[in-house]
Structure formats: C-alpha cells, structure tokens
Full PDB file with SEQRES, HELIX, SHEET, SSBOND, CRYST1, ORIGX, SCALE, CONECT and MASTER records, all heavy atoms in Angstrom:
SEQRES   1 A   42  PHE PHE LYS THR ILE GLU ASN LEU LYS LYS THR ASN ASP          
SEQRES   2 A   42  VAL VAL ASN TYR TYR VAL LYS LYS ASN LEU GLU ASN ASN          
SEQRES   3 A   42  SER PHE PHE SER HIS THR LYS LYS HIS LEU ILE LEU ASN          
SEQRES   4 A   42  ASP LYS PHE                                                  
HELIX    1 AA1 PHE A    2  ASN A   26  1                                  25    
SHEET    1 AA1 2 SER A  27  SER A  30  0                                        
SHEET    2 AA1 2 HIS A  35  LEU A  38 -1                                        
CRYST1    1.000    1.000    1.000  90.00  90.00  90.00 P 1           1          
ORIGX1      1.000000  0.000000  0.000000        0.00000                         
ORIGX2      0.000000  1.000000  0.000000        0.00000                         
ORIGX3      0.000000  0.000000  1.000000        0.00000                         
SCALE1      1.000000  0.000000  0.000000        0.00000                         
SCALE2      0.000000  1.000000  0.000000        0.00000                         
SCALE3      0.000000  0.000000  1.000000        0.00000                         
ATOM      1  N   PHE A   1      72.332 192.502  94.602  1.00  0.00           N  
ATOM      2  CA  PHE A   1      71.194 192.158  93.749  1.00  0.00           C  
ATOM      3  C   PHE A   1      71.531 191.240  92.726  1.00  0.00           C  
ATOM      4  O   PHE A   1      70.931 190.303  92.472  1.00  0.00           O  
ATOM      5  CB  PHE A   1      70.343 193.469  93.457  1.00  0.00           C  
ATOM      6  CG  PHE A   1      69.278 193.105  92.476  1.00  0.00           C  
ATOM      7  CD1 PHE A   1      68.124 192.643  92.937  1.00  0.00           C  
ATOM      8  CD2 PHE A   1      69.452 193.186  91.133  1.00  0.00           C  
ATOM      9  CE1 PHE A   1      67.020 192.214  92.025  1.00  0.00           C  
ATOM     10  CE2 PHE A   1      68.493 192.911  90.273  1.00  0.00           C  
ATOM     11  CZ  PHE A   1      67.295 192.436  90.668  1.00  0.00           C  
ATOM     12  N   PHE A   2      72.693 191.732  91.977  1.00  0.00           N  
ATOM     13  CA  PHE A   2      73.023 190.989  90.729  1.00  0.00           C  
ATOM     14  C   PHE A   2      73.768 189.622  91.182  1.00  0.00           C  
ATOM     15  O   PHE A   2      73.602 188.727  90.423  1.00  0.00           O  
ATOM     16  CB  PHE A   2      73.949 191.910  89.934  1.00  0.00           C  
ATOM     17  CG  PHE A   2      73.396 193.023  89.270  1.00  0.00           C  
ATOM     18  CD1 PHE A   2      73.745 194.296  89.496  1.00  0.00           C  
ATOM     19  CD2 PHE A   2      72.239 192.842  88.461  1.00  0.00           C  
ATOM     20  CE1 PHE A   2      73.169 195.339  88.853  1.00  0.00           C  
ATOM     21  CE2 PHE A   2      71.522 193.923  87.797  1.00  0.00           C  
ATOM     22  CZ  PHE A   2      72.101 195.159  87.970  1.00  0.00           C  
ATOM     23  N   LYS A   3      74.347 189.637  92.374  1.00  0.00           N  
ATOM     24  CA  LYS A   3      74.837 188.485  92.918  1.00  0.00           C  
ATOM     25  C   LYS A   3      73.611 187.402  93.164  1.00  0.00           C  
ATOM     26  O   LYS A   3      73.856 186.220  92.786  1.00  0.00           O  
ATOM     27  CB  LYS A   3      75.603 188.629  94.147  1.00  0.00           C  
ATOM     28  CG  LYS A   3      76.240 187.386  94.781  1.00  0.00           C  
ATOM     29  CD  LYS A   3      77.241 186.730  93.761  1.00  0.00           C  
ATOM     30  CE  LYS A   3      77.889 185.586  94.450  1.00  0.00           C  
ATOM     31  NZ  LYS A   3      78.896 184.906  93.673  1.00  0.00           N  
ATOM     32  N   THR A   4      72.535 187.891  93.619  1.00  0.00           N  
ATOM     33  CA  THR A   4      71.379 187.022  93.873  1.00  0.00           C  
ATOM     34  C   THR A   4      70.915 186.418  92.499  1.00  0.00           C  
ATOM     35  O   THR A   4      70.647 185.296  92.392  1.00  0.00           O  
ATOM     36  CB  THR A   4      70.266 187.962  94.638  1.00  0.00           C  
ATOM     37  OG1 THR A   4      70.650 188.278  95.848  1.00  0.00           O  
ATOM     38  CG2 THR A   4      69.070 187.021  94.682  1.00  0.00           C  
ATOM     39  N   ILE A   5      70.923 187.375  91.433  1.00  0.00           N  
ATOM     40  CA  ILE A   5      70.352 186.898  90.095  1.00  0.00           C  
ATOM     41  C   ILE A   5      71.293 185.783  89.734  1.00  0.00           C  
ATOM     42  O   ILE A   5      70.871 184.860  89.152  1.00  0.00           O  
ATOM     43  CB  ILE A   5      70.262 188.043  89.233  1.00  0.00           C  
ATOM     44  CG1 ILE A   5      69.043 188.904  89.635  1.00  0.00           C  
ATOM     45  CG2 ILE A   5      70.117 187.458  87.772  1.00  0.00           C  
ATOM     46  CD1 ILE A   5      68.770 190.054  88.654  1.00  0.00           C  
ATOM     47  N   GLU A   6      72.732 185.922  89.857  1.00  0.00           N  
ATOM     48  CA  GLU A   6      73.552 184.889  89.462  1.00  0.00           C  
ATOM     49  C   GLU A   6      73.371 183.641  90.086  1.00  0.00           C  
ATOM     50  O   GLU A   6      73.450 182.512  89.621  1.00  0.00           O  
ATOM     51  CB  GLU A   6      75.034 185.481  89.628  1.00  0.00           C  
ATOM     52  CG  GLU A   6      75.494 186.505  88.539  1.00  0.00           C  
ATOM     53  CD  GLU A   6      75.431 186.039  87.170  1.00  0.00           C  
ATOM     54  OE1 GLU A   6      75.797 184.983  86.801  1.00  0.00           O  
ATOM     55  OE2 GLU A   6      74.825 186.921  86.292  1.00  0.00           O  
ATOM     56  N   ASN A   7      72.990 183.704  91.344  1.00  0.00           N  
ATOM     57  CA  ASN A   7      72.868 182.485  92.184  1.00  0.00           C  
ATOM     58  C   ASN A   7      71.436 181.766  91.639  1.00  0.00           C  
ATOM     59  O   ASN A   7      71.527 180.570  91.472  1.00  0.00           O  
ATOM     60  CB  ASN A   7      72.683 182.768  93.673  1.00  0.00           C  
ATOM     61  CG  ASN A   7      74.045 183.117  94.262  1.00  0.00           C  
ATOM     62  OD1 ASN A   7      75.101 182.719  93.717  1.00  0.00           O  
ATOM     63  ND2 ASN A   7      74.015 183.900  95.356  1.00  0.00           N  
ATOM     64  N   LEU A   8      70.478 182.588  91.361  1.00  0.00           N  
ATOM     65  CA  LEU A   8      69.231 182.101  90.755  1.00  0.00           C  
ATOM     66  C   LEU A   8      69.397 181.444  89.468  1.00  0.00           C  
ATOM     67  O   LEU A   8      68.975 180.354  88.989  1.00  0.00           O  
ATOM     68  CB  LEU A   8      68.171 183.097  90.580  1.00  0.00           C  
ATOM     69  CG  LEU A   8      67.686 183.651  91.926  1.00  0.00           C  
ATOM     70  CD1 LEU A   8      66.733 184.854  91.729  1.00  0.00           C  
ATOM     71  CD2 LEU A   8      66.834 182.546  92.751  1.00  0.00           C  
ATOM     72  N   LYS A   9      70.375 181.969  88.637  1.00  0.00           N  
ATOM     73  CA  LYS A   9      70.654 181.488  87.251  1.00  0.00           C  
ATOM     74  C   LYS A   9      71.352 180.011  87.451  1.00  0.00           C  
ATOM     75  O   LYS A   9      70.969 179.220  86.517  1.00  0.00           O  
ATOM     76  CB  LYS A   9      71.638 182.438  86.579  1.00  0.00           C  
ATOM     77  CG  LYS A   9      70.915 183.654  85.957  1.00  0.00           C  
ATOM     78  CD  LYS A   9      71.794 184.505  85.305  1.00  0.00           C  
ATOM     79  CE  LYS A   9      71.086 185.837  84.663  1.00  0.00           C  
ATOM     80  NZ  LYS A   9      72.007 186.621  83.986  1.00  0.00           N  
ATOM     81  N   LYS A  10      72.135 179.925  88.442  1.00  0.00           N  
ATOM     82  CA  LYS A  10      72.883 178.612  88.652  1.00  0.00           C  
ATOM     83  C   LYS A  10      71.838 177.524  88.984  1.00  0.00           C  
ATOM     84  O   LYS A  10      71.975 176.428  88.515  1.00  0.00           O  
ATOM     85  CB  LYS A  10      74.009 178.738  89.745  1.00  0.00           C  
ATOM     86  CG  LYS A  10      75.236 179.626  89.254  1.00  0.00           C  
ATOM     87  CD  LYS A  10      76.138 179.945  90.404  1.00  0.00           C  
ATOM     88  CE  LYS A  10      77.244 180.684  90.010  1.00  0.00           C  
ATOM     89  NZ  LYS A  10      78.239 181.020  91.062  1.00  0.00           N  
ATOM     90  N   THR A  11      71.035 177.954  89.806  1.00  0.00           N  
ATOM     91  CA  THR A  11      69.810 177.045  90.174  1.00  0.00           C  
ATOM     92  C   THR A  11      68.982 176.715  88.953  1.00  0.00           C  
ATOM     93  O   THR A  11      68.606 175.510  88.751  1.00  0.00           O  
ATOM     94  CB  THR A  11      68.974 177.715  91.256  1.00  0.00           C  
ATOM     95  OG1 THR A  11      69.792 178.008  92.372  1.00  0.00           O  
ATOM     96  CG2 THR A  11      67.843 176.716  91.705  1.00  0.00           C  
ATOM     97  N   ASN A  12      68.755 177.670  88.162  1.00  0.00           N  
ATOM     98  CA  ASN A  12      67.930 177.391  86.935  1.00  0.00           C  
ATOM     99  C   ASN A  12      68.642 176.411  85.892  1.00  0.00           C  
ATOM    100  O   ASN A  12      68.004 175.732  85.345  1.00  0.00           O  
ATOM    101  CB  ASN A  12      67.726 178.838  86.260  1.00  0.00           C  
ATOM    102  CG  ASN A  12      66.763 178.754  85.165  1.00  0.00           C  
ATOM    103  OD1 ASN A  12      65.499 178.369  85.297  1.00  0.00           O  
ATOM    104  ND2 ASN A  12      67.178 178.940  83.843  1.00  0.00           N  
ATOM    105  N   ASP A  13      69.991 176.664  85.874  1.00  0.00           N  
ATOM    106  CA  ASP A  13      70.787 175.739  85.096  1.00  0.00           C  
ATOM    107  C   ASP A  13      70.504 174.229  85.531  1.00  0.00           C  
ATOM    108  O   ASP A  13      70.505 173.344  84.607  1.00  0.00           O  
ATOM    109  CB  ASP A  13      72.231 175.879  85.103  1.00  0.00           C  
ATOM    110  CG  ASP A  13      72.498 177.259  84.341  1.00  0.00           C  
ATOM    111  OD1 ASP A  13      71.775 177.752  83.546  1.00  0.00           O  
ATOM    112  OD2 ASP A  13      73.646 177.956  84.673  1.00  0.00           O  
ATOM    113  N   VAL A  14      70.506 173.932  86.773  1.00  0.00           N  
ATOM    114  CA  VAL A  14      70.339 172.557  87.253  1.00  0.00           C  
ATOM    115  C   VAL A  14      68.839 172.070  86.800  1.00  0.00           C  
ATOM    116  O   VAL A  14      68.715 170.963  86.302  1.00  0.00           O  
ATOM    117  CB  VAL A  14      70.397 172.580  88.835  1.00  0.00           C  
ATOM    118  CG1 VAL A  14      69.935 171.240  89.361  1.00  0.00           C  
ATOM    119  CG2 VAL A  14      71.670 173.052  89.360  1.00  0.00           C  
ATOM    120  N   VAL A  15      68.008 172.932  87.077  1.00  0.00           N  
ATOM    121  CA  VAL A  15      66.485 172.571  86.544  1.00  0.00           C  
ATOM    122  C   VAL A  15      66.468 172.294  85.057  1.00  0.00           C  
ATOM    123  O   VAL A  15      65.889 171.330  84.551  1.00  0.00           O  
ATOM    124  CB  VAL A  15      65.475 173.672  86.836  1.00  0.00           C  
ATOM    125  CG1 VAL A  15      64.095 173.339  86.326  1.00  0.00           C  
ATOM    126  CG2 VAL A  15      65.436 173.920  88.397  1.00  0.00           C  
ATOM    127  N   ASN A  16      67.184 173.076  84.105  1.00  0.00           N  
ATOM    128  CA  ASN A  16      67.232 172.986  82.773  1.00  0.00           C  
ATOM    129  C   ASN A  16      67.909 171.660  82.420  1.00  0.00           C  
ATOM    130  O   ASN A  16      67.477 171.001  81.399  1.00  0.00           O  
ATOM    131  CB  ASN A  16      68.089 174.118  82.192  1.00  0.00           C  
ATOM    132  CG  ASN A  16      67.107 175.418  81.952  1.00  0.00           C  
ATOM    133  OD1 ASN A  16      65.934 175.310  81.973  1.00  0.00           O  
ATOM    134  ND2 ASN A  16      67.793 176.475  81.993  1.00  0.00           N  
ATOM    135  N   TYR A  17      68.954 171.271  83.149  1.00  0.00           N  
ATOM    136  CA  TYR A  17      69.450 169.902  82.953  1.00  0.00           C  
ATOM    137  C   TYR A  17      68.543 168.827  83.098  1.00  0.00           C  
ATOM    138  O   TYR A  17      68.450 167.937  82.131  1.00  0.00           O  
ATOM    139  CB  TYR A  17      70.664 169.768  83.914  1.00  0.00           C  
ATOM    140  CG  TYR A  17      71.350 168.456  83.911  1.00  0.00           C  
ATOM    141  CD1 TYR A  17      72.405 168.141  83.044  1.00  0.00           C  
ATOM    142  CD2 TYR A  17      70.836 167.396  84.776  1.00  0.00           C  
ATOM    143  CE1 TYR A  17      72.906 166.786  83.001  1.00  0.00           C  
ATOM    144  CE2 TYR A  17      71.443 166.116  84.671  1.00  0.00           C  
ATOM    145  CZ  TYR A  17      72.495 165.902  83.738  1.00  0.00           C  
ATOM    146  OH  TYR A  17      73.038 164.675  83.699  1.00  0.00           O  
ATOM    147  N   TYR A  18      67.719 168.766  84.082  1.00  0.00           N  
ATOM    148  CA  TYR A  18      66.744 167.764  84.235  1.00  0.00           C  
ATOM    149  C   TYR A  18      65.577 167.928  83.222  1.00  0.00           C  
ATOM    150  O   TYR A  18      64.999 166.877  82.925  1.00  0.00           O  
ATOM    151  CB  TYR A  18      66.305 167.757  85.690  1.00  0.00           C  
ATOM    152  CG  TYR A  18      67.381 167.118  86.549  1.00  0.00           C  
ATOM    153  CD1 TYR A  18      68.062 167.982  87.368  1.00  0.00           C  
ATOM    154  CD2 TYR A  18      67.580 165.796  86.708  1.00  0.00           C  
ATOM    155  CE1 TYR A  18      69.023 167.540  88.215  1.00  0.00           C  
ATOM    156  CE2 TYR A  18      68.641 165.342  87.438  1.00  0.00           C  
ATOM    157  CZ  TYR A  18      69.331 166.085  88.245  1.00  0.00           C  
ATOM    158  OH  TYR A  18      70.275 165.706  89.015  1.00  0.00           O  
ATOM    159  N   VAL A  19      65.216 168.977  82.686  1.00  0.00           N  
ATOM    160  CA  VAL A  19      64.164 169.215  81.723  1.00  0.00           C  
ATOM    161  C   VAL A  19      64.716 168.594  80.455  1.00  0.00           C  
ATOM    162  O   VAL A  19      63.956 167.848  79.708  1.00  0.00           O  
ATOM    163  CB  VAL A  19      63.909 170.704  81.520  1.00  0.00           C  
ATOM    164  CG1 VAL A  19      63.003 170.917  80.376  1.00  0.00           C  
ATOM    165  CG2 VAL A  19      63.167 171.293  82.784  1.00  0.00           C  
ATOM    166  N   LYS A  20      65.929 168.802  80.180  1.00  0.00           N  
ATOM    167  CA  LYS A  20      66.611 168.342  78.989  1.00  0.00           C  
ATOM    168  C   LYS A  20      66.593 166.766  79.040  1.00  0.00           C  
ATOM    169  O   LYS A  20      66.245 166.097  78.010  1.00  0.00           O  
ATOM    170  CB  LYS A  20      67.998 168.844  78.728  1.00  0.00           C  
ATOM    171  CG  LYS A  20      68.689 168.412  77.472  1.00  0.00           C  
ATOM    172  CD  LYS A  20      70.082 168.915  77.215  1.00  0.00           C  
ATOM    173  CE  LYS A  20      70.785 168.329  76.132  1.00  0.00           C  
ATOM    174  NZ  LYS A  20      72.289 168.898  75.960  1.00  0.00           N  
ATOM    175  N   LYS A  21      66.988 166.219  80.138  1.00  0.00           N  
ATOM    176  CA  LYS A  21      66.824 164.762  80.319  1.00  0.00           C  
ATOM    177  C   LYS A  21      65.507 164.167  80.036  1.00  0.00           C  
ATOM    178  O   LYS A  21      65.359 163.221  79.488  1.00  0.00           O  
ATOM    179  CB  LYS A  21      67.389 164.396  81.709  1.00  0.00           C  
ATOM    180  CG  LYS A  21      68.940 164.530  81.811  1.00  0.00           C  
ATOM    181  CD  LYS A  21      69.756 163.597  80.815  1.00  0.00           C  
ATOM    182  CE  LYS A  21      71.262 163.696  81.098  1.00  0.00           C  
ATOM    183  NZ  LYS A  21      71.928 162.768  80.176  1.00  0.00           N  
ATOM    184  N   ASN A  22      64.553 164.911  80.770  1.00  0.00           N  
ATOM    185  CA  ASN A  22      63.124 164.411  80.588  1.00  0.00           C  
ATOM    186  C   ASN A  22      62.687 164.410  79.208  1.00  0.00           C  
ATOM    187  O   ASN A  22      62.030 163.456  78.705  1.00  0.00           O  
ATOM    188  CB  ASN A  22      62.170 165.281  81.436  1.00  0.00           C  
ATOM    189  CG  ASN A  22      60.873 164.723  81.515  1.00  0.00           C  
ATOM    190  OD1 ASN A  22      60.670 163.539  81.579  1.00  0.00           O  
ATOM    191  ND2 ASN A  22      59.882 165.658  81.651  1.00  0.00           N  
ATOM    192  N   LEU A  23      63.029 165.496  78.433  1.00  0.00           N  
ATOM    193  CA  LEU A  23      62.693 165.467  77.018  1.00  0.00           C  
ATOM    194  C   LEU A  23      63.412 164.486  76.134  1.00  0.00           C  
ATOM    195  O   LEU A  23      62.779 163.840  75.173  1.00  0.00           O  
ATOM    196  CB  LEU A  23      62.949 166.877  76.375  1.00  0.00           C  
ATOM    197  CG  LEU A  23      62.035 168.116  77.017  1.00  0.00           C  
ATOM    198  CD1 LEU A  23      62.711 169.440  76.685  1.00  0.00           C  
ATOM    199  CD2 LEU A  23      60.609 167.885  76.511  1.00  0.00           C  
ATOM    200  N   GLU A  24      64.609 164.297  76.442  1.00  0.00           N  
ATOM    201  CA  GLU A  24      65.413 163.241  75.780  1.00  0.00           C  
ATOM    202  C   GLU A  24      64.884 161.864  75.990  1.00  0.00           C  
ATOM    203  O   GLU A  24      64.829 161.044  75.068  1.00  0.00           O  
ATOM    204  CB  GLU A  24      66.868 163.341  76.032  1.00  0.00           C  
ATOM    205  CG  GLU A  24      67.656 164.700  75.509  1.00  0.00           C  
ATOM    206  CD  GLU A  24      68.984 164.744  76.050  1.00  0.00           C  
ATOM    207  OE1 GLU A  24      69.314 164.018  76.921  1.00  0.00           O  
ATOM    208  OE2 GLU A  24      69.788 165.472  75.493  1.00  0.00           O  
ATOM    209  N   ASN A  25      64.560 161.528  77.226  1.00  0.00           N  
ATOM    210  CA  ASN A  25      64.332 160.171  77.635  1.00  0.00           C  
ATOM    211  C   ASN A  25      62.791 159.771  77.501  1.00  0.00           C  
ATOM    212  O   ASN A  25      62.428 158.714  77.256  1.00  0.00           O  
ATOM    213  CB  ASN A  25      64.715 159.904  79.063  1.00  0.00           C  
ATOM    214  CG  ASN A  25      66.230 160.047  79.288  1.00  0.00           C  
ATOM    215  OD1 ASN A  25      67.052 159.838  78.310  1.00  0.00           O  
ATOM    216  ND2 ASN A  25      66.654 160.324  80.433  1.00  0.00           N  
ATOM    217  N   ASN A  26      61.952 160.821  77.576  1.00  0.00           N  
ATOM    218  CA  ASN A  26      60.491 160.464  77.735  1.00  0.00           C  
ATOM    219  C   ASN A  26      59.621 161.102  76.591  1.00  0.00           C  
ATOM    220  O   ASN A  26      58.432 161.291  76.753  1.00  0.00           O  
ATOM    221  CB  ASN A  26      59.978 160.862  79.103  1.00  0.00           C  
ATOM    222  CG  ASN A  26      60.715 160.127  80.114  1.00  0.00           C  
ATOM    223  OD1 ASN A  26      60.869 158.947  80.030  1.00  0.00           O  
ATOM    224  ND2 ASN A  26      61.166 160.812  81.199  1.00  0.00           N  
ATOM    225  N   SER A  27      60.251 161.624  75.462  1.00  0.00           N  
ATOM    226  CA  SER A  27      59.469 162.272  74.412  1.00  0.00           C  
ATOM    227  C   SER A  27      60.058 161.827  73.034  1.00  0.00           C  
ATOM    228  O   SER A  27      61.200 161.477  73.035  1.00  0.00           O  
ATOM    229  CB  SER A  27      59.363 163.704  74.496  1.00  0.00           C  
ATOM    230  OG  SER A  27      60.638 164.295  74.255  1.00  0.00           O  
ATOM    231  N   PHE A  28      59.166 161.698  72.052  1.00  0.00           N  
ATOM    232  CA  PHE A  28      59.638 161.240  70.818  1.00  0.00           C  
ATOM    233  C   PHE A  28      58.852 162.033  69.718  1.00  0.00           C  
ATOM    234  O   PHE A  28      57.667 162.149  69.765  1.00  0.00           O  
ATOM    235  CB  PHE A  28      59.335 159.683  70.587  1.00  0.00           C  
ATOM    236  CG  PHE A  28      59.667 159.319  69.120  1.00  0.00           C  
ATOM    237  CD1 PHE A  28      60.886 159.205  68.635  1.00  0.00           C  
ATOM    238  CD2 PHE A  28      58.538 158.958  68.295  1.00  0.00           C  
ATOM    239  CE1 PHE A  28      61.192 158.875  67.332  1.00  0.00           C  
ATOM    240  CE2 PHE A  28      58.897 158.624  66.988  1.00  0.00           C  
ATOM    241  CZ  PHE A  28      60.122 158.585  66.562  1.00  0.00           C  
ATOM    242  N   PHE A  29      59.637 162.659  68.768  1.00  0.00           N  
ATOM    243  CA  PHE A  29      58.901 163.446  67.720  1.00  0.00           C  
ATOM    244  C   PHE A  29      58.834 162.505  66.392  1.00  0.00           C  
ATOM    245  O   PHE A  29      59.828 162.148  65.949  1.00  0.00           O  
ATOM    246  CB  PHE A  29      59.626 164.727  67.451  1.00  0.00           C  
ATOM    247  CG  PHE A  29      58.884 165.622  66.454  1.00  0.00           C  
ATOM    248  CD1 PHE A  29      57.698 166.278  66.705  1.00  0.00           C  
ATOM    249  CD2 PHE A  29      59.366 165.625  65.042  1.00  0.00           C  
ATOM    250  CE1 PHE A  29      56.984 166.991  65.688  1.00  0.00           C  
ATOM    251  CE2 PHE A  29      58.683 166.442  64.139  1.00  0.00           C  
ATOM    252  CZ  PHE A  29      57.539 167.126  64.443  1.00  0.00           C  
ATOM    253  N   SER A  30      57.550 162.420  65.919  1.00  0.00           N  
ATOM    254  CA  SER A  30      57.457 161.608  64.717  1.00  0.00           C  
ATOM    255  C   SER A  30      57.519 162.655  63.591  1.00  0.00           C  
ATOM    256  O   SER A  30      56.527 163.497  63.362  1.00  0.00           O  
ATOM    257  CB  SER A  30      56.021 160.983  64.713  1.00  0.00           C  
ATOM    258  OG  SER A  30      55.687 160.341  63.340  1.00  0.00           O  
ATOM    259  N   HIS A  31      58.363 162.484  62.655  1.00  0.00           N  
ATOM    260  CA  HIS A  31      58.717 163.394  61.594  1.00  0.00           C  
ATOM    261  C   HIS A  31      57.564 163.132  60.418  1.00  0.00           C  
ATOM    262  O   HIS A  31      57.266 163.972  59.656  1.00  0.00           O  
ATOM    263  CB  HIS A  31      60.019 163.238  60.897  1.00  0.00           C  
ATOM    264  CG  HIS A  31      61.025 163.816  61.912  1.00  0.00           C  
ATOM    265  ND1 HIS A  31      61.449 165.261  62.049  1.00  0.00           N  
ATOM    266  CD2 HIS A  31      61.918 163.204  62.849  1.00  0.00           C  
ATOM    267  CE1 HIS A  31      62.442 165.397  62.903  1.00  0.00           C  
ATOM    268  NE2 HIS A  31      62.763 164.137  63.458  1.00  0.00           N  
ATOM    269  N   THR A  32      57.183 161.805  60.411  1.00  0.00           N  
ATOM    270  CA  THR A  32      56.113 161.631  59.424  1.00  0.00           C  
ATOM    271  C   THR A  32      54.822 162.122  59.744  1.00  0.00           C  
ATOM    272  O   THR A  32      53.987 162.704  59.007  1.00  0.00           O  
ATOM    273  CB  THR A  32      55.983 160.047  59.228  1.00  0.00           C  
ATOM    274  OG1 THR A  32      55.781 159.334  60.472  1.00  0.00           O  
ATOM    275  CG2 THR A  32      57.290 159.519  58.699  1.00  0.00           C  
ATOM    276  N   LYS A  33      54.299 161.874  61.021  1.00  0.00           N  
ATOM    277  CA  LYS A  33      52.992 162.395  61.497  1.00  0.00           C  
ATOM    278  C   LYS A  33      53.108 163.895  62.032  1.00  0.00           C  
ATOM    279  O   LYS A  33      52.010 164.475  62.386  1.00  0.00           O  
ATOM    280  CB  LYS A  33      52.405 161.478  62.581  1.00  0.00           C  
ATOM    281  CG  LYS A  33      52.111 160.051  61.966  1.00  0.00           C  
ATOM    282  CD  LYS A  33      51.510 159.241  62.958  1.00  0.00           C  
ATOM    283  CE  LYS A  33      51.204 157.874  62.418  1.00  0.00           C  
ATOM    284  NZ  LYS A  33      50.437 157.006  63.336  1.00  0.00           N  
ATOM    285  N   LYS A  34      54.363 164.334  62.150  1.00  0.00           N  
ATOM    286  CA  LYS A  34      54.440 165.658  62.725  1.00  0.00           C  
ATOM    287  C   LYS A  34      53.780 165.978  64.147  1.00  0.00           C  
ATOM    288  O   LYS A  34      53.130 166.999  64.453  1.00  0.00           O  
ATOM    289  CB  LYS A  34      53.888 166.819  61.753  1.00  0.00           C  
ATOM    290  CG  LYS A  34      54.506 166.594  60.279  1.00  0.00           C  
ATOM    291  CD  LYS A  34      55.966 167.031  60.409  1.00  0.00           C  
ATOM    292  CE  LYS A  34      56.620 166.914  58.883  1.00  0.00           C  
ATOM    293  NZ  LYS A  34      57.934 167.298  58.855  1.00  0.00           N  
ATOM    294  N   HIS A  35      53.948 164.981  65.085  1.00  0.00           N  
ATOM    295  CA  HIS A  35      53.511 165.110  66.336  1.00  0.00           C  
ATOM    296  C   HIS A  35      54.461 164.641  67.309  1.00  0.00           C  
ATOM    297  O   HIS A  35      55.312 163.857  66.999  1.00  0.00           O  
ATOM    298  CB  HIS A  35      52.074 164.554  66.545  1.00  0.00           C  
ATOM    299  CG  HIS A  35      52.065 163.036  66.377  1.00  0.00           C  
ATOM    300  ND1 HIS A  35      50.907 162.491  65.715  1.00  0.00           N  
ATOM    301  CD2 HIS A  35      52.799 162.046  66.624  1.00  0.00           C  
ATOM    302  CE1 HIS A  35      51.158 161.072  65.798  1.00  0.00           C  
ATOM    303  NE2 HIS A  35      52.295 160.969  66.350  1.00  0.00           N  
ATOM    304  N   LEU A  36      54.342 165.200  68.641  1.00  0.00           N  
ATOM    305  CA  LEU A  36      55.306 164.903  69.709  1.00  0.00           C  
ATOM    306  C   LEU A  36      54.548 163.806  70.658  1.00  0.00           C  
ATOM    307  O   LEU A  36      53.504 164.137  71.051  1.00  0.00           O  
ATOM    308  CB  LEU A  36      55.605 166.055  70.426  1.00  0.00           C  
ATOM    309  CG  LEU A  36      56.781 165.991  71.425  1.00  0.00           C  
ATOM    310  CD1 LEU A  36      58.233 165.579  70.671  1.00  0.00           C  
ATOM    311  CD2 LEU A  36      56.905 167.254  72.222  1.00  0.00           C  
ATOM    312  N   ILE A  37      55.284 162.831  70.997  1.00  0.00           N  
ATOM    313  CA  ILE A  37      54.655 161.786  71.820  1.00  0.00           C  
ATOM    314  C   ILE A  37      55.391 161.772  73.080  1.00  0.00           C  
ATOM    315  O   ILE A  37      56.597 161.727  73.308  1.00  0.00           O  
ATOM    316  CB  ILE A  37      54.839 160.406  71.152  1.00  0.00           C  
ATOM    317  CG1 ILE A  37      54.222 160.342  69.888  1.00  0.00           C  
ATOM    318  CG2 ILE A  37      54.312 159.263  72.212  1.00  0.00           C  
ATOM    319  CD1 ILE A  37      54.545 159.040  68.989  1.00  0.00           C  
ATOM    320  N   LEU A  38      54.551 161.888  74.207  1.00  0.00           N  
ATOM    321  CA  LEU A  38      55.027 161.959  75.603  1.00  0.00           C  
ATOM    322  C   LEU A  38      54.720 160.673  76.383  1.00  0.00           C  
ATOM    323  O   LEU A  38      53.501 160.469  76.322  1.00  0.00           O  
ATOM    324  CB  LEU A  38      54.528 163.220  76.336  1.00  0.00           C  
ATOM    325  CG  LEU A  38      54.628 164.517  75.599  1.00  0.00           C  
ATOM    326  CD1 LEU A  38      54.038 165.696  76.389  1.00  0.00           C  
ATOM    327  CD2 LEU A  38      56.086 164.840  75.210  1.00  0.00           C  
ATOM    328  N   ASN A  39      55.614 159.984  76.871  1.00  0.00           N  
ATOM    329  CA  ASN A  39      55.242 158.682  77.639  1.00  0.00           C  
ATOM    330  C   ASN A  39      54.842 159.054  79.019  1.00  0.00           C  
ATOM    331  O   ASN A  39      55.026 160.185  79.551  1.00  0.00           O  
ATOM    332  CB  ASN A  39      56.382 157.652  77.567  1.00  0.00           C  
ATOM    333  CG  ASN A  39      57.684 158.057  78.238  1.00  0.00           C  
ATOM    334  OD1 ASN A  39      57.643 158.801  79.295  1.00  0.00           O  
ATOM    335  ND2 ASN A  39      58.778 157.525  77.826  1.00  0.00           N  
ATOM    336  N   ASP A  40      54.455 157.997  79.826  1.00  0.00           N  
ATOM    337  CA  ASP A  40      53.870 158.302  81.092  1.00  0.00           C  
ATOM    338  C   ASP A  40      54.943 158.742  82.114  1.00  0.00           C  
ATOM    339  O   ASP A  40      54.608 159.462  83.151  1.00  0.00           O  
ATOM    340  CB  ASP A  40      53.189 157.028  81.687  1.00  0.00           C  
ATOM    341  CG  ASP A  40      54.128 155.694  81.819  1.00  0.00           C  
ATOM    342  OD1 ASP A  40      55.154 155.750  81.006  1.00  0.00           O  
ATOM    343  OD2 ASP A  40      53.858 155.070  82.615  1.00  0.00           O  
ATOM    344  N   LYS A  41      56.263 158.411  81.839  1.00  0.00           N  
ATOM    345  CA  LYS A  41      57.269 158.757  82.799  1.00  0.00           C  
ATOM    346  C   LYS A  41      57.545 160.252  82.697  1.00  0.00           C  
ATOM    347  O   LYS A  41      58.082 160.921  83.617  1.00  0.00           O  
ATOM    348  CB  LYS A  41      58.677 157.918  82.423  1.00  0.00           C  
ATOM    349  CG  LYS A  41      58.521 156.529  82.784  1.00  0.00           C  
ATOM    350  CD  LYS A  41      59.875 155.929  82.550  1.00  0.00           C  
ATOM    351  CE  LYS A  41      59.733 154.370  82.783  1.00  0.00           C  
ATOM    352  NZ  LYS A  41      61.120 153.751  82.490  1.00  0.00           N  
ATOM    353  N   PHE A  42      57.224 160.907  81.595  1.00  0.00           N  
ATOM    354  CA  PHE A  42      57.303 162.205  81.397  1.00  0.00           C  
ATOM    355  C   PHE A  42      56.658 163.143  82.358  1.00  0.00           C  
ATOM    356  O   PHE A  42      57.198 164.139  82.836  1.00  0.00           O  
ATOM    357  CB  PHE A  42      56.646 162.634  79.975  1.00  0.00           C  
ATOM    358  CG  PHE A  42      56.857 164.130  79.590  1.00  0.00           C  
ATOM    359  CD1 PHE A  42      57.819 164.488  78.701  1.00  0.00           C  
ATOM    360  CD2 PHE A  42      55.895 165.121  80.002  1.00  0.00           C  
ATOM    361  CE1 PHE A  42      57.989 165.841  78.306  1.00  0.00           C  
ATOM    362  CE2 PHE A  42      56.071 166.465  79.680  1.00  0.00           C  
ATOM    363  CZ  PHE A  42      57.128 166.821  78.669  1.00  0.00           C  
TER     364      PHE A  42                                                      
MASTER        0    0    0    1    2    0    0    6  363    1    0    4          
END                                                                             
C-alpha cells in the first residue's frame, strides 16, 4: 500500500512541475495593484 502511495507521489511531482511552469510563464502579480493576472495560455 505504501509503495502505491510512493508511486502516486512521484506522479504528483510531475504534475507539480508543470503547474509551476504554468504559473511562472502565464501569470503575473502586480505589487502596486495587488492582483494576479492570468493570460489566455494559462
């Protein structure tokens, strides 16, 4: 069972990698207006 969870965690790490890339490439936080901007590629 715990081996299954470890395998799921590895898969989750892959998804997290692409989530991070999406946030880095397709979002921008305005410190002056205090809001987050998401472009259409997001």
